[in-house]
Amino acid sequence: MTSYEKMFSDHLDEESIKRCLSTSILGSLIVYLHTTESTMDDARKAAYDNAPEGTLVVAEEQTVGRGRFQRTWVSPPGGNIYLSLLLRPGPYYASQLTMMASLALVRAIRRTIPDKTNVTIKWPNDVRISGMKIAGILVESSLALEGTDNFSIIGMGVNVNFDPGEYPDIKDTATSIQRELGYPIQRVQLLGAIMEEMEELYLFIKQGGSVREEWASLLDTIGHKVRVAWGDQVYEGYAQGVDDDGGLVLRLADGSIQALAAGEVTLRTFD
């Protein structure tokens, strides 16, 4: 252990989170929890309780953290970022939220690790460094024309001061900020950067902009042969791009084109 690590303190609480934020919408209300089952569930309850847009739920530990398709997300205490963000974008912008969130995270990580240019996105929502997963994103929406039922929640788990090697299920597929840098960082600084990048992109989207082009340029899936499970069907083909809503566009062996929505598939690259 270095002298830096011996002196290092990574305290996270409501006040430290407030001090790190320079945003005007995101973090308008902060809910900090030492332990919770899932920040997604907490944010959903807040949405139905008419919490304001930008409500940010942050937990030190999740006991029932989850990713897409109800997969377990390893959520030990004291080293990572577990957050859920409540937005009320309306149905017209919802398709860009997964793109926006993963793009914001890539930007924030590059600010934190400036020499790491190999930060990419595995379609549709995993952020990776050199092919190793550093973060996962989950977006759940309840969209209506108006009222408290119109909301989206962006959930994010980021491996920060954490050693994936201690967990056999992920040791060969995951990394962390600390592993990449060789030393720990203040989580609150990364959290502030994530919120800044996310707000900039969110306001851009609501003004009619699209993040698709920049997001697509970061996808490490494009240009590879992939196997995709879509419902009860399995497709194999060449990932040649994404459509305007972020769906993966596959060219199948027979030359036909199949577009697959992000919320309905699992994907494996095999070339």
C-alpha atoms as a PDB file:
ATOM      1  CA  MET A   1       0.000   0.000   0.000  1.00  0.00           C
ATOM      2  CA  THR A   2       1.404   3.414  -0.976  1.00  0.00           C
ATOM      3  CA  SER A   3       1.540   6.410   1.367  1.00  0.00           C
ATOM      4  CA  TYR A   4      -1.159   8.018  -0.804  1.00  0.00           C
ATOM      5  CA  GLU A   5      -3.492   5.082  -0.232  1.00  0.00           C
ATOM      6  CA  LYS A   6      -2.820   5.135   3.514  1.00  0.00           C
ATOM      7  CA  MET A   7      -3.899   8.783   3.710  1.00  0.00           C
ATOM      8  CA  PHE A   8      -6.702   8.423   1.202  1.00  0.00           C
ATOM      9  CA  SER A   9     -10.276   9.113   2.315  1.00  0.00           C
ATOM     10  CA  ASP A  10     -13.246   8.568   0.035  1.00  0.00           C
ATOM     11  CA  HIS A  11     -16.172   9.817   2.082  1.00  0.00           C
ATOM     12  CA  LEU A  12     -19.530   9.983   0.314  1.00  0.00           C
ATOM     13  CA  ASP A  13     -22.650  11.594   1.772  1.00  0.00           C
ATOM     14  CA  GLU A  14     -25.384  14.056   0.836  1.00  0.00           C
ATOM     15  CA  GLU A  15     -23.324  17.166   1.620  1.00  0.00           C
ATOM     16  CA  SER A  16     -20.252  16.015  -0.304  1.00  0.00           C
ATOM     17  CA  ILE A  17     -22.450  15.187  -3.291  1.00  0.00           C
ATOM     18  CA  LYS A  18     -24.085  18.643  -3.169  1.00  0.00           C
ATOM     19  CA  ARG A  19     -20.698  20.347  -3.090  1.00  0.00           C
ATOM     20  CA  CYS A  20     -19.470  18.455  -6.146  1.00  0.00           C
ATOM     21  CA  LEU A  21     -22.435  19.334  -8.376  1.00  0.00           C
ATOM     22  CA  SER A  22     -22.430  22.328 -10.712  1.00  0.00           C
ATOM     23  CA  THR A  23     -25.628  21.251 -12.470  1.00  0.00           C
ATOM     24  CA  SER A  24     -28.922  23.147 -12.501  1.00  0.00           C
ATOM     25  CA  ILE A  25     -31.387  20.265 -13.018  1.00  0.00           C
ATOM     26  CA  LEU A  26     -29.650  16.996 -12.218  1.00  0.00           C
ATOM     27  CA  GLY A  27     -29.272  16.613  -8.479  1.00  0.00           C
ATOM     28  CA  SER A  28     -32.080  19.090  -7.753  1.00  0.00           C
ATOM     29  CA  LEU A  29     -32.959  16.665  -4.952  1.00  0.00           C
ATOM     30  CA  ILE A  30     -30.362  14.276  -3.529  1.00  0.00           C
ATOM     31  CA  VAL A  31     -31.288  11.100  -1.705  1.00  0.00           C
ATOM     32  CA  TYR A  32     -28.262   9.450  -0.107  1.00  0.00           C
ATOM     33  CA  LEU A  33     -28.657   5.985   1.375  1.00  0.00           C
ATOM     34  CA  HIS A  34     -25.990   4.019   3.170  1.00  0.00           C
ATOM     35  CA  THR A  35     -27.668   0.724   2.258  1.00  0.00           C
ATOM     36  CA  THR A  36     -30.616  -0.027   0.011  1.00  0.00           C
ATOM     37  CA  GLU A  37     -31.955  -2.935  -1.986  1.00  0.00           C
ATOM     38  CA  SER A  38     -31.907  -1.033  -5.285  1.00  0.00           C
ATOM     39  CA  THR A  39     -31.578   2.647  -6.140  1.00  0.00           C
ATOM     40  CA  MET A  40     -33.831   1.970  -9.147  1.00  0.00           C
ATOM     41  CA  ASP A  41     -36.664   0.967  -6.830  1.00  0.00           C
ATOM     42  CA  ASP A  42     -36.040   4.020  -4.640  1.00  0.00           C
ATOM     43  CA  ALA A  43     -36.101   6.350  -7.646  1.00  0.00           C
ATOM     44  CA  ARG A  44     -39.294   4.775  -8.958  1.00  0.00           C
ATOM     45  CA  LYS A  45     -41.012   5.321  -5.616  1.00  0.00           C
ATOM     46  CA  ALA A  46     -39.817   8.926  -5.652  1.00  0.00           C
ATOM     47  CA  ALA A  47     -41.265   9.357  -9.152  1.00  0.00           C
ATOM     48  CA  TYR A  48     -44.695   8.182  -8.062  1.00  0.00           C
ATOM     49  CA  ASP A  49     -44.408  10.490  -5.044  1.00  0.00           C
ATOM     50  CA  ASN A  50     -44.047  13.368  -7.530  1.00  0.00           C
ATOM     51  CA  ALA A  51     -40.367  14.014  -6.861  1.00  0.00           C
ATOM     52  CA  PRO A  52     -38.853  16.692  -9.104  1.00  0.00           C
ATOM     53  CA  GLU A  53     -36.983  15.986 -12.282  1.00  0.00           C
ATOM     54  CA  GLY A  54     -33.320  15.535 -11.558  1.00  0.00           C
ATOM     55  CA  THR A  55     -33.819  13.652  -8.295  1.00  0.00           C
ATOM     56  CA  LEU A  56     -30.612  11.714  -7.725  1.00  0.00           C
ATOM     57  CA  VAL A  57     -30.528   8.587  -5.570  1.00  0.00           C
ATOM     58  CA  VAL A  58     -27.054   7.462  -4.504  1.00  0.00           C
ATOM     59  CA  ALA A  59     -26.284   4.465  -2.305  1.00  0.00           C
ATOM     60  CA  GLU A  60     -23.123   3.230  -0.647  1.00  0.00           C
ATOM     61  CA  GLU A  61     -24.335  -0.343  -1.028  1.00  0.00           C
ATOM     62  CA  GLN A  62     -27.064  -2.212  -2.888  1.00  0.00           C
ATOM     63  CA  THR A  63     -28.204  -5.555  -1.569  1.00  0.00           C
ATOM     64  CA  VAL A  64     -30.338  -6.398  -4.603  1.00  0.00           C
ATOM     65  CA  GLY A  65     -28.593  -4.420  -7.332  1.00  0.00           C
ATOM     66  CA  ARG A  66     -29.620  -5.422 -10.846  1.00  0.00           C
ATOM     67  CA  GLY A  67     -28.775  -4.901 -14.461  1.00  0.00           C
ATOM     68  CA  ARG A  68     -30.722  -5.644 -17.608  1.00  0.00           C
ATOM     69  CA  PHE A  69     -32.979  -8.708 -17.614  1.00  0.00           C
ATOM     70  CA  GLN A  70     -32.897  -8.740 -13.781  1.00  0.00           C
ATOM     71  CA  ARG A  71     -29.267  -9.874 -13.746  1.00  0.00           C
ATOM     72  CA  THR A  72     -27.496  -9.333 -10.432  1.00  0.00           C
ATOM     73  CA  TRP A  73     -25.087  -6.389 -10.291  1.00  0.00           C
ATOM     74  CA  VAL A  74     -22.238  -6.897  -7.817  1.00  0.00           C
ATOM     75  CA  SER A  75     -22.681  -3.971  -5.409  1.00  0.00           C
ATOM     76  CA  PRO A  76     -20.306  -4.156  -2.425  1.00  0.00           C
ATOM     77  CA  PRO A  77     -20.052  -1.166  -0.053  1.00  0.00           C
ATOM     78  CA  GLY A  78     -17.404   1.497   0.114  1.00  0.00           C
ATOM     79  CA  GLY A  79     -15.829   1.637  -3.314  1.00  0.00           C
ATOM     80  CA  ASN A  80     -18.182   2.166  -6.239  1.00  0.00           C
ATOM     81  CA  ILE A  81     -20.885   4.491  -7.533  1.00  0.00           C
ATOM     82  CA  TYR A  82     -24.456   3.232  -7.506  1.00  0.00           C
ATOM     83  CA  LEU A  83     -26.957   5.834  -8.657  1.00  0.00           C
ATOM     84  CA  SER A  84     -30.374   6.254 -10.181  1.00  0.00           C
ATOM     85  CA  LEU A  85     -31.502   9.494 -11.773  1.00  0.00           C
ATOM     86  CA  LEU A  86     -35.130  10.510 -12.237  1.00  0.00           C
ATOM     87  CA  LEU A  87     -35.961  12.356 -15.451  1.00  0.00           C
ATOM     88  CA  ARG A  88     -39.244  13.452 -16.971  1.00  0.00           C
ATOM     89  CA  PRO A  89     -38.302  13.779 -20.644  1.00  0.00           C
ATOM     90  CA  GLY A  90     -41.628  13.004 -22.259  1.00  0.00           C
ATOM     91  CA  PRO A  91     -42.117  10.168 -24.754  1.00  0.00           C
ATOM     92  CA  TYR A  92     -40.412  12.015 -27.597  1.00  0.00           C
ATOM     93  CA  TYR A  93     -36.912  11.924 -26.107  1.00  0.00           C
ATOM     94  CA  ALA A  94     -36.915   8.606 -24.277  1.00  0.00           C
ATOM     95  CA  SER A  95     -35.211   6.626 -27.052  1.00  0.00           C
ATOM     96  CA  GLN A  96     -32.033   8.669 -26.664  1.00  0.00           C
ATOM     97  CA  LEU A  97     -31.625   8.213 -22.906  1.00  0.00           C
ATOM     98  CA  THR A  98     -29.514   5.044 -23.043  1.00  0.00           C
ATOM     99  CA  MET A  99     -27.301   6.655 -25.659  1.00  0.00           C
ATOM    100  CA  MET A 100     -27.052   9.833 -23.600  1.00  0.00           C
ATOM    101  CA  ALA A 101     -26.183   8.043 -20.354  1.00  0.00           C
ATOM    102  CA  SER A 102     -23.439   5.819 -21.757  1.00  0.00           C
ATOM    103  CA  LEU A 103     -21.960   8.706 -23.753  1.00  0.00           C
ATOM    104  CA  ALA A 104     -21.913  10.941 -20.664  1.00  0.00           C
ATOM    105  CA  LEU A 105     -20.157   8.223 -18.693  1.00  0.00           C
ATOM    106  CA  VAL A 106     -17.491   7.731 -21.358  1.00  0.00           C
ATOM    107  CA  ARG A 107     -16.842  11.471 -21.389  1.00  0.00           C
ATOM    108  CA  ALA A 108     -16.604  11.578 -17.585  1.00  0.00           C
ATOM    109  CA  ILE A 109     -14.223   8.609 -17.422  1.00  0.00           C
ATOM    110  CA  ARG A 110     -11.990  10.175 -20.061  1.00  0.00           C
ATOM    111  CA  ARG A 111     -11.849  13.314 -17.921  1.00  0.00           C
ATOM    112  CA  THR A 112     -10.841  11.168 -14.944  1.00  0.00           C
ATOM    113  CA  ILE A 113      -8.320   9.028 -16.846  1.00  0.00           C
ATOM    114  CA  PRO A 114      -7.104  11.404 -19.581  1.00  0.00           C
ATOM    115  CA  ASP A 115      -4.605   8.965 -21.139  1.00  0.00           C
ATOM    116  CA  LYS A 116      -7.216   6.232 -21.553  1.00  0.00           C
ATOM    117  CA  THR A 117      -8.497   6.618 -25.092  1.00  0.00           C
ATOM    118  CA  ASN A 118      -9.735   3.033 -25.297  1.00  0.00           C
ATOM    119  CA  VAL A 119     -12.965   3.687 -23.381  1.00  0.00           C
ATOM    120  CA  THR A 120     -15.773   2.231 -25.478  1.00  0.00           C
ATOM    121  CA  ILE A 121     -19.398   1.133 -25.325  1.00  0.00           C
ATOM    122  CA  LYS A 122     -20.556  -2.418 -25.884  1.00  0.00           C
ATOM    123  CA  TRP A 123     -23.962  -1.998 -27.460  1.00  0.00           C
ATOM    124  CA  PRO A 124     -26.253  -1.002 -25.968  1.00  0.00           C
ATOM    125  CA  ASN A 125     -25.250  -0.038 -22.445  1.00  0.00           C
ATOM    126  CA  ASP A 126     -21.978  -1.422 -21.059  1.00  0.00           C
ATOM    127  CA  VAL A 127     -18.980   0.901 -20.790  1.00  0.00           C
ATOM    128  CA  ARG A 128     -15.624  -0.828 -21.174  1.00  0.00           C
ATOM    129  CA  ILE A 129     -11.914  -0.098 -21.033  1.00  0.00           C
ATOM    130  CA  SER A 130      -9.830  -2.304 -23.311  1.00  0.00           C
ATOM    131  CA  GLY A 131     -12.764  -4.693 -23.543  1.00  0.00           C
ATOM    132  CA  MET A 132     -13.204  -5.006 -19.768  1.00  0.00           C
ATOM    133  CA  LYS A 133     -16.496  -3.840 -18.266  1.00  0.00           C
ATOM    134  CA  ILE A 134     -16.233  -0.850 -15.965  1.00  0.00           C
ATOM    135  CA  ALA A 135     -19.898   0.176 -15.811  1.00  0.00           C
ATOM    136  CA  GLY A 136     -23.424  -0.871 -16.657  1.00  0.00           C
ATOM    137  CA  ILE A 137     -26.464   1.266 -17.373  1.00  0.00           C
ATOM    138  CA  LEU A 138     -30.138   0.442 -17.021  1.00  0.00           C
ATOM    139  CA  VAL A 139     -32.972   2.664 -18.266  1.00  0.00           C
ATOM    140  CA  GLU A 140     -36.567   2.050 -17.228  1.00  0.00           C
ATOM    141  CA  SER A 141     -39.428   4.258 -18.375  1.00  0.00           C
ATOM    142  CA  SER A 142     -43.081   4.805 -17.689  1.00  0.00           C
ATOM    143  CA  LEU A 143     -44.267   7.117 -20.408  1.00  0.00           C
ATOM    144  CA  ALA A 144     -47.575   8.901 -20.601  1.00  0.00           C
ATOM    145  CA  LEU A 145     -48.593  12.145 -22.222  1.00  0.00           C
ATOM    146  CA  GLU A 146     -48.585  13.957 -18.883  1.00  0.00           C
ATOM    147  CA  GLY A 147     -48.655  13.506 -15.122  1.00  0.00           C
ATOM    148  CA  THR A 148     -46.474  11.699 -12.612  1.00  0.00           C
ATOM    149  CA  ASP A 149     -46.620   8.479 -14.662  1.00  0.00           C
ATOM    150  CA  ASN A 150     -44.398  10.130 -17.259  1.00  0.00           C
ATOM    151  CA  PHE A 151     -40.830   9.458 -16.145  1.00  0.00           C
ATOM    152  CA  SER A 152     -37.620   7.669 -16.952  1.00  0.00           C
ATOM    153  CA  ILE A 153     -35.008   6.380 -14.544  1.00  0.00           C
ATOM    154  CA  ILE A 154     -31.369   5.975 -15.488  1.00  0.00           C
ATOM    155  CA  GLY A 155     -29.535   3.540 -13.244  1.00  0.00           C
ATOM    156  CA  MET A 156     -25.764   3.339 -13.280  1.00  0.00           C
ATOM    157  CA  GLY A 157     -23.196   1.200 -11.535  1.00  0.00           C
ATOM    158  CA  VAL A 158     -19.557   2.244 -11.937  1.00  0.00           C
ATOM    159  CA  ASN A 159     -16.575   0.283 -10.641  1.00  0.00           C
ATOM    160  CA  VAL A 160     -14.344   2.878  -9.002  1.00  0.00           C
ATOM    161  CA  ASN A 161     -12.208   1.908  -5.984  1.00  0.00           C
ATOM    162  CA  PHE A 162     -12.915  -1.770  -6.313  1.00  0.00           C
ATOM    163  CA  ASP A 163     -10.972  -4.917  -7.152  1.00  0.00           C
ATOM    164  CA  PRO A 164     -12.996  -7.144  -9.505  1.00  0.00           C
ATOM    165  CA  GLY A 165     -10.364  -9.826  -8.991  1.00  0.00           C
ATOM    166  CA  GLU A 166     -11.931 -10.594  -5.613  1.00  0.00           C
ATOM    167  CA  TYR A 167     -15.115 -11.809  -7.331  1.00  0.00           C
ATOM    168  CA  PRO A 168     -14.671 -15.001  -9.386  1.00  0.00           C
ATOM    169  CA  ASP A 169     -17.747 -14.385 -11.545  1.00  0.00           C
ATOM    170  CA  ILE A 170     -16.383 -11.106 -12.948  1.00  0.00           C
ATOM    171  CA  LYS A 171     -12.628 -11.169 -12.404  1.00  0.00           C
ATOM    172  CA  ASP A 172     -11.900 -11.974 -16.053  1.00  0.00           C
ATOM    173  CA  THR A 173     -14.418  -9.553 -17.571  1.00  0.00           C
ATOM    174  CA  ALA A 174     -14.457  -6.443 -15.360  1.00  0.00           C
ATOM    175  CA  THR A 175     -12.111  -3.625 -14.420  1.00  0.00           C
ATOM    176  CA  SER A 176     -12.273  -0.464 -12.288  1.00  0.00           C
ATOM    177  CA  ILE A 177     -10.922   3.086 -12.198  1.00  0.00           C
ATOM    178  CA  GLN A 178      -8.490   2.099  -9.451  1.00  0.00           C
ATOM    179  CA  ARG A 179      -7.229  -0.891 -11.412  1.00  0.00           C
ATOM    180  CA  GLU A 180      -6.661   1.254 -14.503  1.00  0.00           C
ATOM    181  CA  LEU A 181      -4.927   4.102 -12.643  1.00  0.00           C
ATOM    182  CA  GLY A 182      -3.104   2.034 -10.053  1.00  0.00           C
ATOM    183  CA  TYR A 183      -4.509   4.105  -7.185  1.00  0.00           C
ATOM    184  CA  PRO A 184      -7.951   5.124  -5.819  1.00  0.00           C
ATOM    185  CA  ILE A 185      -9.796   8.361  -6.588  1.00  0.00           C
ATOM    186  CA  GLN A 186     -12.470  10.437  -4.911  1.00  0.00           C
ATOM    187  CA  ARG A 187     -15.744   8.954  -6.111  1.00  0.00           C
ATOM    188  CA  VAL A 188     -17.544  12.243  -5.612  1.00  0.00           C
ATOM    189  CA  GLN A 189     -15.343  13.911  -8.261  1.00  0.00           C
ATOM    190  CA  LEU A 190     -16.292  11.288 -10.836  1.00  0.00           C
ATOM    191  CA  LEU A 191     -19.950  11.567  -9.808  1.00  0.00           C
ATOM    192  CA  GLY A 192     -19.841  15.328 -10.380  1.00  0.00           C
ATOM    193  CA  ALA A 193     -18.290  14.835 -13.815  1.00  0.00           C
ATOM    194  CA  ILE A 194     -20.956  12.283 -14.767  1.00  0.00           C
ATOM    195  CA  MET A 195     -23.762  14.661 -13.793  1.00  0.00           C
ATOM    196  CA  GLU A 196     -22.170  17.585 -15.660  1.00  0.00           C
ATOM    197  CA  GLU A 197     -21.786  15.585 -18.858  1.00  0.00           C
ATOM    198  CA  MET A 198     -25.267  14.097 -18.517  1.00  0.00           C
ATOM    199  CA  GLU A 199     -26.956  17.472 -18.025  1.00  0.00           C
ATOM    200  CA  GLU A 200     -25.188  18.986 -21.013  1.00  0.00           C
ATOM    201  CA  LEU A 201     -26.349  16.130 -23.227  1.00  0.00           C
ATOM    202  CA  TYR A 202     -29.859  16.048 -21.760  1.00  0.00           C
ATOM    203  CA  LEU A 203     -30.433  19.749 -22.438  1.00  0.00           C
ATOM    204  CA  PHE A 204     -29.038  19.287 -25.944  1.00  0.00           C
ATOM    205  CA  ILE A 205     -31.509  16.475 -26.607  1.00  0.00           C
ATOM    206  CA  LYS A 206     -34.458  18.470 -25.287  1.00  0.00           C
ATOM    207  CA  GLN A 207     -33.512  21.296 -27.667  1.00  0.00           C
ATOM    208  CA  GLY A 208     -33.895  18.868 -30.568  1.00  0.00           C
ATOM    209  CA  GLY A 209     -30.327  17.600 -30.843  1.00  0.00           C
ATOM    210  CA  SER A 210     -29.256  14.007 -31.342  1.00  0.00           C
ATOM    211  CA  VAL A 211     -26.358  12.231 -29.621  1.00  0.00           C
ATOM    212  CA  ARG A 212     -26.545   9.219 -31.912  1.00  0.00           C
ATOM    213  CA  GLU A 213     -23.508  10.041 -34.079  1.00  0.00           C
ATOM    214  CA  GLU A 214     -21.059  10.567 -31.203  1.00  0.00           C
ATOM    215  CA  TRP A 215     -22.486   7.582 -29.311  1.00  0.00           C
ATOM    216  CA  ALA A 216     -22.239   5.310 -32.363  1.00  0.00           C
ATOM    217  CA  SER A 217     -18.598   6.310 -32.877  1.00  0.00           C
ATOM    218  CA  LEU A 218     -17.800   4.764 -29.467  1.00  0.00           C
ATOM    219  CA  LEU A 219     -19.481   1.406 -30.059  1.00  0.00           C
ATOM    220  CA  ASP A 220     -16.951  -1.415 -30.093  1.00  0.00           C
ATOM    221  CA  THR A 221     -19.650  -3.800 -31.365  1.00  0.00           C
ATOM    222  CA  ILE A 222     -19.869  -2.294 -34.841  1.00  0.00           C
ATOM    223  CA  GLY A 223     -17.877  -4.123 -37.494  1.00  0.00           C
ATOM    224  CA  HIS A 224     -17.973  -7.512 -35.762  1.00  0.00           C
ATOM    225  CA  LYS A 225     -19.892 -10.723 -36.224  1.00  0.00           C
ATOM    226  CA  VAL A 226     -22.364 -11.068 -33.383  1.00  0.00           C
ATOM    227  CA  ARG A 227     -24.898 -13.492 -32.035  1.00  0.00           C
ATOM    228  CA  VAL A 228     -28.055 -11.818 -30.737  1.00  0.00           C
ATOM    229  CA  ALA A 229     -30.866 -13.397 -28.717  1.00  0.00           C
ATOM    230  CA  TRP A 230     -34.060 -11.471 -29.373  1.00  0.00           C
ATOM    231  CA  GLY A 231     -36.956 -12.940 -27.462  1.00  0.00           C
ATOM    232  CA  ASP A 232     -37.099 -16.617 -28.458  1.00  0.00           C
ATOM    233  CA  GLN A 233     -35.126 -16.017 -31.643  1.00  0.00           C
ATOM    234  CA  VAL A 234     -31.364 -15.994 -32.215  1.00  0.00           C
ATOM    235  CA  TYR A 235     -29.731 -14.031 -35.013  1.00  0.00           C
ATOM    236  CA  GLU A 236     -26.143 -14.197 -36.238  1.00  0.00           C
ATOM    237  CA  GLY A 237     -24.808 -11.530 -38.488  1.00  0.00           C
ATOM    238  CA  TYR A 238     -22.511  -8.586 -39.064  1.00  0.00           C
ATOM    239  CA  ALA A 239     -23.158  -5.520 -36.904  1.00  0.00           C
ATOM    240  CA  GLN A 240     -23.037  -2.803 -39.506  1.00  0.00           C
ATOM    241  CA  GLY A 241     -24.471   0.130 -37.558  1.00  0.00           C
ATOM    242  CA  VAL A 242     -27.302   1.522 -35.474  1.00  0.00           C
ATOM    243  CA  ASP A 243     -30.543   3.199 -36.415  1.00  0.00           C
ATOM    244  CA  ASP A 244     -31.827   6.580 -35.202  1.00  0.00           C
ATOM    245  CA  ASP A 245     -33.248   5.046 -32.018  1.00  0.00           C
ATOM    246  CA  GLY A 246     -30.060   3.194 -31.156  1.00  0.00           C
ATOM    247  CA  GLY A 247     -31.229  -0.196 -32.405  1.00  0.00           C
ATOM    248  CA  LEU A 248     -28.523  -2.521 -33.697  1.00  0.00           C
ATOM    249  CA  VAL A 249     -28.602  -3.041 -37.472  1.00  0.00           C
ATOM    250  CA  LEU A 250     -27.493  -6.537 -38.472  1.00  0.00           C
ATOM    251  CA  ARG A 251     -26.712  -7.857 -41.915  1.00  0.00           C
ATOM    252  CA  LEU A 252     -27.609 -11.538 -41.831  1.00  0.00           C
ATOM    253  CA  ALA A 253     -25.936 -14.332 -43.763  1.00  0.00           C
ATOM    254  CA  ASP A 254     -28.594 -14.205 -46.496  1.00  0.00           C
ATOM    255  CA  GLY A 255     -27.951 -10.492 -47.027  1.00  0.00           C
ATOM    256  CA  SER A 256     -31.137  -9.306 -45.348  1.00  0.00           C
ATOM    257  CA  ILE A 257     -31.132  -6.508 -42.759  1.00  0.00           C
ATOM    258  CA  GLN A 258     -32.541  -6.878 -39.245  1.00  0.00           C
ATOM    259  CA  ALA A 259     -32.812  -4.012 -36.734  1.00  0.00           C
ATOM    260  CA  LEU A 260     -32.978  -5.038 -33.077  1.00  0.00           C
ATOM    261  CA  ALA A 261     -34.172  -2.773 -30.273  1.00  0.00           C
ATOM    262  CA  ALA A 262     -31.846  -2.407 -27.296  1.00  0.00           C
ATOM    263  CA  GLY A 263     -34.352  -3.387 -24.657  1.00  0.00           C
ATOM    264  CA  GLU A 264     -35.088  -6.815 -26.072  1.00  0.00           C
ATOM    265  CA  VAL A 265     -31.748  -8.475 -26.788  1.00  0.00           C
ATOM    266  CA  THR A 266     -28.590  -9.982 -25.399  1.00  0.00           C
ATOM    267  CA  LEU A 267     -25.464  -9.910 -27.496  1.00  0.00           C
ATOM    268  CA  ARG A 268     -22.203 -11.788 -27.880  1.00  0.00           C
ATOM    269  CA  THR A 269     -19.368 -10.944 -30.233  1.00  0.00           C
ATOM    270  CA  PHE A 270     -17.679 -14.013 -31.670  1.00  0.00           C
ATOM    271  CA  ASP A 271     -14.980 -12.868 -34.105  1.00  0.00           C
END
